[in-house]
C-alpha atoms as a PDB file:
ATOM      1  CA  UNK A   1       1.847  74.427  32.924  1.00  0.00           C
ATOM      2  CA  UNK A   2      -0.746  76.937  31.710  1.00  0.00           C
ATOM      3  CA  UNK A   3      -3.740  75.579  29.803  1.00  0.00           C
ATOM      4  CA  UNK A   4      -3.666  76.020  26.068  1.00  0.00           C
ATOM      5  CA  UNK A   5      -5.792  78.863  24.656  1.00  0.00           C
ATOM      6  CA  UNK A   6      -8.011  76.380  22.814  1.00  0.00           C
ATOM      7  CA  UNK A   7      -8.905  74.768  26.166  1.00  0.00           C
ATOM      8  CA  UNK A   8     -10.319  78.068  27.378  1.00  0.00           C
ATOM      9  CA  UNK A   9     -12.263  78.414  24.144  1.00  0.00           C
ATOM     10  CA  UNK A  10     -13.724  74.914  24.493  1.00  0.00           C
ATOM     11  CA  UNK A  11     -14.680  75.624  28.119  1.00  0.00           C
ATOM     12  CA  UNK A  12     -16.351  78.874  27.093  1.00  0.00           C
ATOM     13  CA  UNK A  13     -18.332  77.121  24.358  1.00  0.00           C
ATOM     14  CA  UNK A  14     -19.511  74.358  26.702  1.00  0.00           C
ATOM     15  CA  UNK A  15     -20.505  76.848  29.408  1.00  0.00           C
ATOM     16  CA  UNK A  16     -22.435  78.922  26.892  1.00  0.00           C
ATOM     17  CA  UNK A  17     -24.232  75.839  25.531  1.00  0.00           C
ATOM     18  CA  UNK A  18     -25.258  74.712  29.010  1.00  0.00           C
ATOM     19  CA  UNK A  19     -26.521  78.209  29.868  1.00  0.00           C
ATOM     20  CA  UNK A  20     -28.577  78.355  26.692  1.00  0.00           C
ATOM     21  CA  UNK A  21     -30.070  74.894  27.329  1.00  0.00           C
ATOM     22  CA  UNK A  22     -31.011  75.769  30.907  1.00  0.00           C
ATOM     23  CA  UNK A  23     -32.618  79.043  29.833  1.00  0.00           C
ATOM     24  CA  UNK A  24     -34.643  77.238  27.184  1.00  0.00           C
ATOM     25  CA  UNK A  25     -36.084  74.703  29.622  1.00  0.00           C
ATOM     26  CA  UNK A  26     -39.760  75.471  30.139  1.00  0.00           C
ATOM     27  CA  UNK A  27     -40.447  77.003  33.570  1.00  0.00           C
ATOM     28  CA  UNK A  28     -43.460  74.771  34.303  1.00  0.00           C
ATOM     29  CA  UNK A  29     -41.438  71.724  33.344  1.00  0.00           C
ATOM     30  CA  UNK A  30     -38.645  72.679  35.692  1.00  0.00           C
ATOM     31  CA  UNK A  31     -40.875  73.815  38.584  1.00  0.00           C
ATOM     32  CA  UNK A  32     -43.231  70.814  38.574  1.00  0.00           C
ATOM     33  CA  UNK A  33     -40.392  68.362  38.047  1.00  0.00           C
ATOM     34  CA  UNK A  34     -38.325  69.670  40.945  1.00  0.00           C
ATOM     35  CA  UNK A  35     -40.954  70.750  43.487  1.00  0.00           C
ATOM     36  CA  UNK A  36     -42.119  67.596  45.272  1.00  0.00           C
ATOM     37  CA  UNK A  37     -44.154  67.327  48.457  1.00  0.00           C
ATOM     38  CA  UNK A  38     -42.885  65.995  51.765  1.00  0.00           C
ATOM     39  CA  UNK A  39     -44.603  65.600  55.124  1.00  0.00           C
ATOM     40  CA  UNK A  40     -43.483  63.397  58.005  1.00  0.00           C
ATOM     41  CA  UNK A  41     -42.342  60.024  56.671  1.00  0.00           C
ATOM     42  CA  UNK A  42     -43.871  60.563  53.203  1.00  0.00           C
ATOM     43  CA  UNK A  43     -41.686  62.327  50.639  1.00  0.00           C
ATOM     44  CA  UNK A  44     -41.071  62.717  46.909  1.00  0.00           C
ATOM     45  CA  UNK A  45     -44.761  63.177  46.083  1.00  0.00           C
ATOM     46  CA  UNK A  46     -45.564  64.619  42.662  1.00  0.00           C
ATOM     47  CA  UNK A  47     -48.468  64.491  40.205  1.00  0.00           C
ATOM     48  CA  UNK A  48     -51.425  64.328  40.697  1.00  0.00           C
ATOM     49  CA  UNK A  49     -50.804  65.846  44.132  1.00  0.00           C
ATOM     50  CA  UNK A  50     -50.189  69.512  44.856  1.00  0.00           C
ATOM     51  CA  UNK A  51     -50.285  71.933  47.766  1.00  0.00           C
ATOM     52  CA  UNK A  52     -47.936  74.089  49.796  1.00  0.00           C
ATOM     53  CA  UNK A  53     -45.152  75.325  47.508  1.00  0.00           C
ATOM     54  CA  UNK A  54     -46.245  72.945  44.746  1.00  0.00           C
ATOM     55  CA  UNK A  55     -48.600  74.828  42.419  1.00  0.00           C
ATOM     56  CA  UNK A  56     -52.063  73.591  41.475  1.00  0.00           C
ATOM     57  CA  UNK A  57     -50.883  73.477  37.833  1.00  0.00           C
ATOM     58  CA  UNK A  58     -48.484  70.695  38.861  1.00  0.00           C
ATOM     59  CA  UNK A  59     -51.311  68.487  40.098  1.00  0.00           C
ATOM     60  CA  UNK A  60     -54.932  67.648  39.430  1.00  0.00           C
ATOM     61  CA  UNK A  61     -58.185  69.015  40.936  1.00  0.00           C
ATOM     62  CA  UNK A  62     -59.145  67.209  44.122  1.00  0.00           C
ATOM     63  CA  UNK A  63     -55.600  66.178  45.060  1.00  0.00           C
ATOM     64  CA  UNK A  64     -54.470  69.049  47.272  1.00  0.00           C
ATOM     65  CA  UNK A  65     -52.410  67.809  50.215  1.00  0.00           C
ATOM     66  CA  UNK A  66     -52.024  69.823  53.409  1.00  0.00           C
ATOM     67  CA  UNK A  67     -49.266  68.985  55.869  1.00  0.00           C
ATOM     68  CA  UNK A  68     -50.364  69.310  59.499  1.00  0.00           C
ATOM     69  CA  UNK A  69     -48.386  67.956  62.438  1.00  0.00           C
ATOM     70  CA  UNK A  70     -46.199  65.852  60.106  1.00  0.00           C
ATOM     71  CA  UNK A  71     -49.227  64.198  58.471  1.00  0.00           C
ATOM     72  CA  UNK A  72     -50.708  64.828  55.042  1.00  0.00           C
ATOM     73  CA  UNK A  73     -54.421  65.570  55.017  1.00  0.00           C
ATOM     74  CA  UNK A  74     -56.676  65.298  51.980  1.00  0.00           C
ATOM     75  CA  UNK A  75     -60.207  66.658  51.546  1.00  0.00           C
ATOM     76  CA  UNK A  76     -62.446  64.188  49.710  1.00  0.00           C
ATOM     77  CA  UNK A  77     -66.116  65.095  49.290  1.00  0.00           C
ATOM     78  CA  UNK A  78     -65.948  67.553  52.226  1.00  0.00           C
ATOM     79  CA  UNK A  79     -64.467  64.922  54.547  1.00  0.00           C
ATOM     80  CA  UNK A  80     -60.893  65.201  55.823  1.00  0.00           C
ATOM     81  CA  UNK A  81     -58.701  62.100  55.644  1.00  0.00           C
ATOM     82  CA  UNK A  82     -55.238  61.511  57.036  1.00  0.00           C
ATOM     83  CA  UNK A  83     -52.907  60.130  54.371  1.00  0.00           C
ATOM     84  CA  UNK A  84     -50.922  57.295  55.940  1.00  0.00           C
ATOM     85  CA  UNK A  85     -49.230  55.909  52.824  1.00  0.00           C
ATOM     86  CA  UNK A  86     -48.906  56.665  49.099  1.00  0.00           C
ATOM     87  CA  UNK A  87     -47.989  54.078  46.482  1.00  0.00           C
ATOM     88  CA  UNK A  88     -47.263  55.631  43.086  1.00  0.00           C
ATOM     89  CA  UNK A  89     -46.895  52.250  41.382  1.00  0.00           C
ATOM     90  CA  UNK A  90     -50.438  51.110  42.156  1.00  0.00           C
ATOM     91  CA  UNK A  91     -51.755  54.703  42.366  1.00  0.00           C
ATOM     92  CA  UNK A  92     -53.152  54.030  45.817  1.00  0.00           C
ATOM     93  CA  UNK A  93     -53.472  55.824  49.131  1.00  0.00           C
ATOM     94  CA  UNK A  94     -54.003  54.429  52.609  1.00  0.00           C
ATOM     95  CA  UNK A  95     -56.223  56.904  54.396  1.00  0.00           C
ATOM     96  CA  UNK A  96     -57.988  57.178  57.740  1.00  0.00           C
ATOM     97  CA  UNK A  97     -60.882  59.419  58.660  1.00  0.00           C
ATOM     98  CA  UNK A  98     -59.616  62.411  60.604  1.00  0.00           C
ATOM     99  CA  UNK A  99     -62.832  62.767  62.619  1.00  0.00           C
ATOM    100  CA  UNK A 100     -62.531  59.180  63.899  1.00  0.00           C
ATOM    101  CA  UNK A 101     -58.811  59.384  64.648  1.00  0.00           C
ATOM    102  CA  UNK A 102     -58.346  58.390  68.311  1.00  0.00           C
ATOM    103  CA  UNK A 103     -62.015  59.222  68.757  1.00  0.00           C
ATOM    104  CA  UNK A 104     -64.774  56.768  67.916  1.00  0.00           C
ATOM    105  CA  UNK A 105     -67.330  59.318  69.141  1.00  0.00           C
ATOM    106  CA  UNK A 106     -67.057  62.424  66.911  1.00  0.00           C
ATOM    107  CA  UNK A 107     -69.288  65.443  67.436  1.00  0.00           C
ATOM    108  CA  UNK A 108     -70.991  64.852  64.077  1.00  0.00           C
ATOM    109  CA  UNK A 109     -71.214  61.343  62.636  1.00  0.00           C
ATOM    110  CA  UNK A 110     -71.378  60.903  58.866  1.00  0.00           C
ATOM    111  CA  UNK A 111     -70.828  58.094  56.403  1.00  0.00           C
ATOM    112  CA  UNK A 112     -67.493  57.662  54.681  1.00  0.00           C
ATOM    113  CA  UNK A 113     -67.659  59.464  51.343  1.00  0.00           C
ATOM    114  CA  UNK A 114     -65.509  59.320  48.216  1.00  0.00           C
ATOM    115  CA  UNK A 115     -65.498  61.323  44.999  1.00  0.00           C
ATOM    116  CA  UNK A 116     -65.846  58.353  42.674  1.00  0.00           C
ATOM    117  CA  UNK A 117     -64.838  60.448  39.689  1.00  0.00           C
ATOM    118  CA  UNK A 118     -61.236  60.415  40.901  1.00  0.00           C
ATOM    119  CA  UNK A 119     -61.191  57.865  43.757  1.00  0.00           C
ATOM    120  CA  UNK A 120     -62.455  54.357  44.308  1.00  0.00           C
ATOM    121  CA  UNK A 121     -61.957  51.616  46.857  1.00  0.00           C
ATOM    122  CA  UNK A 122     -58.906  49.484  46.082  1.00  0.00           C
ATOM    123  CA  UNK A 123     -60.318  46.008  45.515  1.00  0.00           C
ATOM    124  CA  UNK A 124     -56.954  44.239  45.798  1.00  0.00           C
ATOM    125  CA  UNK A 125     -56.687  45.337  49.439  1.00  0.00           C
ATOM    126  CA  UNK A 126     -59.846  43.361  50.385  1.00  0.00           C
ATOM    127  CA  UNK A 127     -60.906  46.056  52.821  1.00  0.00           C
ATOM    128  CA  UNK A 128     -64.325  45.600  54.417  1.00  0.00           C
ATOM    129  CA  UNK A 129     -67.001  47.845  55.847  1.00  0.00           C
ATOM    130  CA  UNK A 130     -68.011  47.891  59.474  1.00  0.00           C
ATOM    131  CA  UNK A 131     -71.037  49.773  60.806  1.00  0.00           C
ATOM    132  CA  UNK A 132     -70.982  52.021  63.832  1.00  0.00           C
ATOM    133  CA  UNK A 133     -74.343  52.320  65.581  1.00  0.00           C
ATOM    134  CA  UNK A 134     -74.923  55.421  67.702  1.00  0.00           C
ATOM    135  CA  UNK A 135     -77.731  56.366  70.077  1.00  0.00           C
ATOM    136  CA  UNK A 136     -79.498  53.014  70.167  1.00  0.00           C
ATOM    137  CA  UNK A 137     -82.382  52.496  72.581  1.00  0.00           C
ATOM    138  CA  UNK A 138     -81.426  48.876  73.222  1.00  0.00           C
ATOM    139  CA  UNK A 139     -78.392  46.725  72.610  1.00  0.00           C
ATOM    140  CA  UNK A 140     -79.295  43.464  70.863  1.00  0.00           C
ATOM    141  CA  UNK A 141     -75.900  41.900  71.558  1.00  0.00           C
ATOM    142  CA  UNK A 142     -76.046  42.379  75.309  1.00  0.00           C
ATOM    143  CA  UNK A 143     -75.454  39.205  77.277  1.00  0.00           C
ATOM    144  CA  UNK A 144     -76.485  39.421  80.923  1.00  0.00           C
ATOM    145  CA  UNK A 145     -76.024  43.180  80.739  1.00  0.00           C
ATOM    146  CA  UNK A 146     -72.599  42.912  79.051  1.00  0.00           C
ATOM    147  CA  UNK A 147     -71.983  43.641  75.386  1.00  0.00           C
ATOM    148  CA  UNK A 148     -68.871  42.432  73.577  1.00  0.00           C
ATOM    149  CA  UNK A 149     -69.350  44.947  70.740  1.00  0.00           C
ATOM    150  CA  UNK A 150     -70.378  47.956  72.791  1.00  0.00           C
ATOM    151  CA  UNK A 151     -68.306  51.151  72.947  1.00  0.00           C
ATOM    152  CA  UNK A 152     -68.899  54.121  75.200  1.00  0.00           C
ATOM    153  CA  UNK A 153     -70.021  57.475  73.883  1.00  0.00           C
ATOM    154  CA  UNK A 154     -71.465  60.386  75.787  1.00  0.00           C
ATOM    155  CA  UNK A 155     -73.772  62.427  73.578  1.00  0.00           C
ATOM    156  CA  UNK A 156     -74.747  65.681  75.295  1.00  0.00           C
ATOM    157  CA  UNK A 157     -74.170  63.957  78.607  1.00  0.00           C
ATOM    158  CA  UNK A 158     -76.861  61.364  77.934  1.00  0.00           C
ATOM    159  CA  UNK A 159     -76.229  57.624  77.977  1.00  0.00           C
ATOM    160  CA  UNK A 160     -77.145  55.500  74.982  1.00  0.00           C
ATOM    161  CA  UNK A 161     -76.128  52.192  73.527  1.00  0.00           C
ATOM    162  CA  UNK A 162     -73.416  52.364  70.884  1.00  0.00           C
ATOM    163  CA  UNK A 163     -71.959  49.342  69.176  1.00  0.00           C
ATOM    164  CA  UNK A 164     -70.255  48.231  65.990  1.00  0.00           C
ATOM    165  CA  UNK A 165     -70.897  45.314  63.664  1.00  0.00           C
ATOM    166  CA  UNK A 166     -68.949  43.667  60.869  1.00  0.00           C
ATOM    167  CA  UNK A 167     -70.276  41.749  57.908  1.00  0.00           C
ATOM    168  CA  UNK A 168     -69.849  38.526  59.847  1.00  0.00           C
ATOM    169  CA  UNK A 169     -72.094  39.521  62.729  1.00  0.00           C
ATOM    170  CA  UNK A 170     -74.381  42.100  61.099  1.00  0.00           C
ATOM    171  CA  UNK A 171     -77.430  39.944  61.814  1.00  0.00           C
ATOM    172  CA  UNK A 172     -77.111  40.920  65.485  1.00  0.00           C
ATOM    173  CA  UNK A 173     -78.251  44.429  64.721  1.00  0.00           C
ATOM    174  CA  UNK A 174     -81.359  43.602  62.703  1.00  0.00           C
ATOM    175  CA  UNK A 175     -84.299  45.659  63.862  1.00  0.00           C
ATOM    176  CA  UNK A 176     -82.392  47.657  66.483  1.00  0.00           C
ATOM    177  CA  UNK A 177     -83.551  51.303  66.628  1.00  0.00           C
ATOM    178  CA  UNK A 178     -80.578  53.670  66.580  1.00  0.00           C
ATOM    179  CA  UNK A 179     -80.317  57.395  65.932  1.00  0.00           C
ATOM    180  CA  UNK A 180     -77.402  57.075  63.509  1.00  0.00           C
ATOM    181  CA  UNK A 181     -75.677  54.228  61.689  1.00  0.00           C
ATOM    182  CA  UNK A 182     -72.589  54.908  59.587  1.00  0.00           C
ATOM    183  CA  UNK A 183     -70.403  52.684  57.435  1.00  0.00           C
ATOM    184  CA  UNK A 184     -66.609  52.868  57.666  1.00  0.00           C
ATOM    185  CA  UNK A 185     -64.039  50.751  55.754  1.00  0.00           C
ATOM    186  CA  UNK A 186     -61.284  48.994  57.673  1.00  0.00           C
ATOM    187  CA  UNK A 187     -58.463  46.876  56.290  1.00  0.00           C
ATOM    188  CA  UNK A 188     -59.112  43.260  55.372  1.00  0.00           C
ATOM    189  CA  UNK A 189     -57.121  41.927  58.323  1.00  0.00           C
ATOM    190  CA  UNK A 190     -58.835  44.042  60.965  1.00  0.00           C
ATOM    191  CA  UNK A 191     -62.439  43.239  59.957  1.00  0.00           C
ATOM    192  CA  UNK A 192     -62.345  39.479  60.757  1.00  0.00           C
ATOM    193  CA  UNK A 193     -60.608  40.198  64.060  1.00  0.00           C
ATOM    194  CA  UNK A 194     -63.329  42.686  64.994  1.00  0.00           C
ATOM    195  CA  UNK A 195     -65.997  40.040  64.356  1.00  0.00           C
ATOM    196  CA  UNK A 196     -64.758  38.070  67.347  1.00  0.00           C
ATOM    197  CA  UNK A 197     -66.507  38.817  70.649  1.00  0.00           C
ATOM    198  CA  UNK A 198     -64.713  41.012  73.184  1.00  0.00           C
ATOM    199  CA  UNK A 199     -62.568  42.665  70.515  1.00  0.00           C
ATOM    200  CA  UNK A 200     -63.893  46.183  71.109  1.00  0.00           C
ATOM    201  CA  UNK A 201     -60.394  47.187  72.268  1.00  0.00           C
ATOM    202  CA  UNK A 202     -59.267  46.640  68.656  1.00  0.00           C
ATOM    203  CA  UNK A 203     -61.839  49.028  67.198  1.00  0.00           C
ATOM    204  CA  UNK A 204     -59.901  52.285  67.520  1.00  0.00           C
ATOM    205  CA  UNK A 205     -56.728  50.699  66.190  1.00  0.00           C
ATOM    206  CA  UNK A 206     -58.627  49.386  63.156  1.00  0.00           C
ATOM    207  CA  UNK A 207     -60.040  52.848  62.416  1.00  0.00           C
ATOM    208  CA  UNK A 208     -56.617  54.470  62.809  1.00  0.00           C
ATOM    209  CA  UNK A 209     -55.021  51.910  60.492  1.00  0.00           C
ATOM    210  CA  UNK A 210     -57.250  53.154  57.678  1.00  0.00           C
ATOM    211  CA  UNK A 211     -58.124  51.645  54.317  1.00  0.00           C
ATOM    212  CA  UNK A 212     -56.859  51.785  50.726  1.00  0.00           C
ATOM    213  CA  UNK A 213     -58.276  53.830  47.862  1.00  0.00           C
ATOM    214  CA  UNK A 214     -57.082  54.141  44.268  1.00  0.00           C
ATOM    215  CA  UNK A 215     -56.896  57.355  42.287  1.00  0.00           C
ATOM    216  CA  UNK A 216     -57.615  58.212  38.675  1.00  0.00           C
ATOM    217  CA  UNK A 217     -56.231  61.456  37.240  1.00  0.00           C
ATOM    218  CA  UNK A 218     -55.702  61.115  33.489  1.00  0.00           C
ATOM    219  CA  UNK A 219     -53.456  58.155  34.220  1.00  0.00           C
ATOM    220  CA  UNK A 220     -53.026  57.092  30.577  1.00  0.00           C
ATOM    221  CA  UNK A 221     -52.142  60.593  29.409  1.00  0.00           C
ATOM    222  CA  UNK A 222     -49.667  60.992  32.241  1.00  0.00           C
ATOM    223  CA  UNK A 223     -47.968  57.696  31.408  1.00  0.00           C
ATOM    224  CA  UNK A 224     -47.519  58.782  27.777  1.00  0.00           C
ATOM    225  CA  UNK A 225     -46.224  62.181  28.877  1.00  0.00           C
ATOM    226  CA  UNK A 226     -43.651  60.719  31.275  1.00  0.00           C
ATOM    227  CA  UNK A 227     -42.429  58.180  28.707  1.00  0.00           C
ATOM    228  CA  UNK A 228     -41.780  61.045  26.307  1.00  0.00           C
ATOM    229  CA  UNK A 229     -39.666  62.865  28.899  1.00  0.00           C
ATOM    230  CA  UNK A 230     -42.378  65.212  30.170  1.00  0.00           C
ATOM    231  CA  UNK A 231     -43.871  66.144  33.530  1.00  0.00           C
ATOM    232  CA  UNK A 232     -47.622  65.828  34.170  1.00  0.00           C
ATOM    233  CA  UNK A 233     -49.817  68.764  35.134  1.00  0.00           C
ATOM    234  CA  UNK A 234     -53.176  70.462  34.665  1.00  0.00           C
ATOM    235  CA  UNK A 235     -54.396  73.597  32.894  1.00  0.00           C
ATOM    236  CA  UNK A 236     -57.160  75.179  34.969  1.00  0.00           C
ATOM    237  CA  UNK A 237     -58.103  77.607  32.188  1.00  0.00           C
ATOM    238  CA  UNK A 238     -58.822  74.871  29.647  1.00  0.00           C
ATOM    239  CA  UNK A 239     -59.807  72.278  32.256  1.00  0.00           C
ATOM    240  CA  UNK A 240     -57.546  69.697  30.663  1.00  0.00           C
ATOM    241  CA  UNK A 241     -54.402  67.659  31.248  1.00  0.00           C
ATOM    242  CA  UNK A 242     -51.063  69.258  30.364  1.00  0.00           C
ATOM    243  CA  UNK A 243     -47.732  67.673  29.538  1.00  0.00           C
ATOM    244  CA  UNK A 244     -44.883  70.002  30.498  1.00  0.00           C
ATOM    245  CA  UNK A 245     -41.848  69.478  28.299  1.00  0.00           C
ATOM    246  CA  UNK A 246     -38.388  71.011  28.225  1.00  0.00           C
ATOM    247  CA  UNK A 247     -39.356  73.282  25.345  1.00  0.00           C
ATOM    248  CA  UNK A 248     -42.976  74.028  26.132  1.00  0.00           C
ATOM    249  CA  UNK A 249     -46.352  72.652  27.153  1.00  0.00           C
ATOM    250  CA  UNK A 250     -48.072  69.946  25.112  1.00  0.00           C
ATOM    251  CA  UNK A 251     -51.476  68.324  25.303  1.00  0.00           C
ATOM    252  CA  UNK A 252     -50.224  64.781  25.808  1.00  0.00           C
ATOM    253  CA  UNK A 253     -46.634  64.072  24.751  1.00  0.00           C
ATOM    254  CA  UNK A 254     -43.293  65.800  24.265  1.00  0.00           C
ATOM    255  CA  UNK A 255     -42.848  63.892  21.012  1.00  0.00           C
ATOM    256  CA  UNK A 256     -45.165  66.384  19.323  1.00  0.00           C
ATOM    257  CA  UNK A 257     -44.367  70.103  19.520  1.00  0.00           C
ATOM    258  CA  UNK A 258     -47.167  71.078  17.195  1.00  0.00           C
ATOM    259  CA  UNK A 259     -44.948  70.795  14.142  1.00  0.00           C
ATOM    260  CA  UNK A 260     -44.004  67.149  14.639  1.00  0.00           C
ATOM    261  CA  UNK A 261     -40.429  67.908  15.725  1.00  0.00           C
ATOM    262  CA  UNK A 262     -38.608  68.128  19.035  1.00  0.00           C
ATOM    263  CA  UNK A 263     -35.107  69.301  19.918  1.00  0.00           C
ATOM    264  CA  UNK A 264     -33.805  66.010  21.316  1.00  0.00           C
ATOM    265  CA  UNK A 265     -30.556  67.574  22.584  1.00  0.00           C
ATOM    266  CA  UNK A 266     -32.455  69.870  24.925  1.00  0.00           C
ATOM    267  CA  UNK A 267     -34.847  67.100  25.960  1.00  0.00           C
ATOM    268  CA  UNK A 268     -31.984  64.750  26.802  1.00  0.00           C
ATOM    269  CA  UNK A 269     -30.097  67.406  28.747  1.00  0.00           C
ATOM    270  CA  UNK A 270     -33.169  68.595  30.657  1.00  0.00           C
ATOM    271  CA  UNK A 271     -33.986  65.108  31.901  1.00  0.00           C
ATOM    272  CA  UNK A 272     -31.429  65.849  34.634  1.00  0.00           C
ATOM    273  CA  UNK A 273     -33.892  68.386  36.044  1.00  0.00           C
ATOM    274  CA  UNK A 274     -36.866  65.959  36.371  1.00  0.00           C
END
């Protein structure tokens, strides 16, 4: 049985309506909502992160992710970190210093640094600092020529004492002359274990396991934007947060198009593209 003529007319009307709605969806809204980052085991990463085929306008300054060898890397205050985990609910990252990855003796030793404008240590994780002491003239924790906290490093082919301390045994290093002492966070479980003598074999694993930091990138504005059906982004020209909506870009929420009205039909339909 052939379809009735009015069925073809209805189909034509519906197809036309869908085409119009799709064409009216803001390009930034569609691009930033659909283009998510993936690297190794981490996927579905959106705002505030950007990089690769995800434009900077879809993220926030300081959150560019680079995928190398199936691992995200993030530059924070001129220091490269490996991103081991991302939790969007708590807005946290588990990161490990790239220069100390599988190498407790980097060519240049520097303190762990964060941009505290957008990152901070995640207090709930109870991570703790350990100190790595390089190029020491003596080892205060040596017992009969053996040190439980000593690790080997060859600096320009010259031997020197190198050891680490946690908060629980930091008194051992008081007054010890060393060329360089740096502070590195490790997770709250690893730090107590490292305080036990003869646990130097756990040091590299603790550094590789990383520590948690929390981000801040106009979180409140982004929450309002998402609740209104928008996608979060950033306007580099104005240096401000942007809320990308189905029918244009707003400062904070799709509920306000500048005239106090929004085409709810388009907004509802375009949610399928987020």
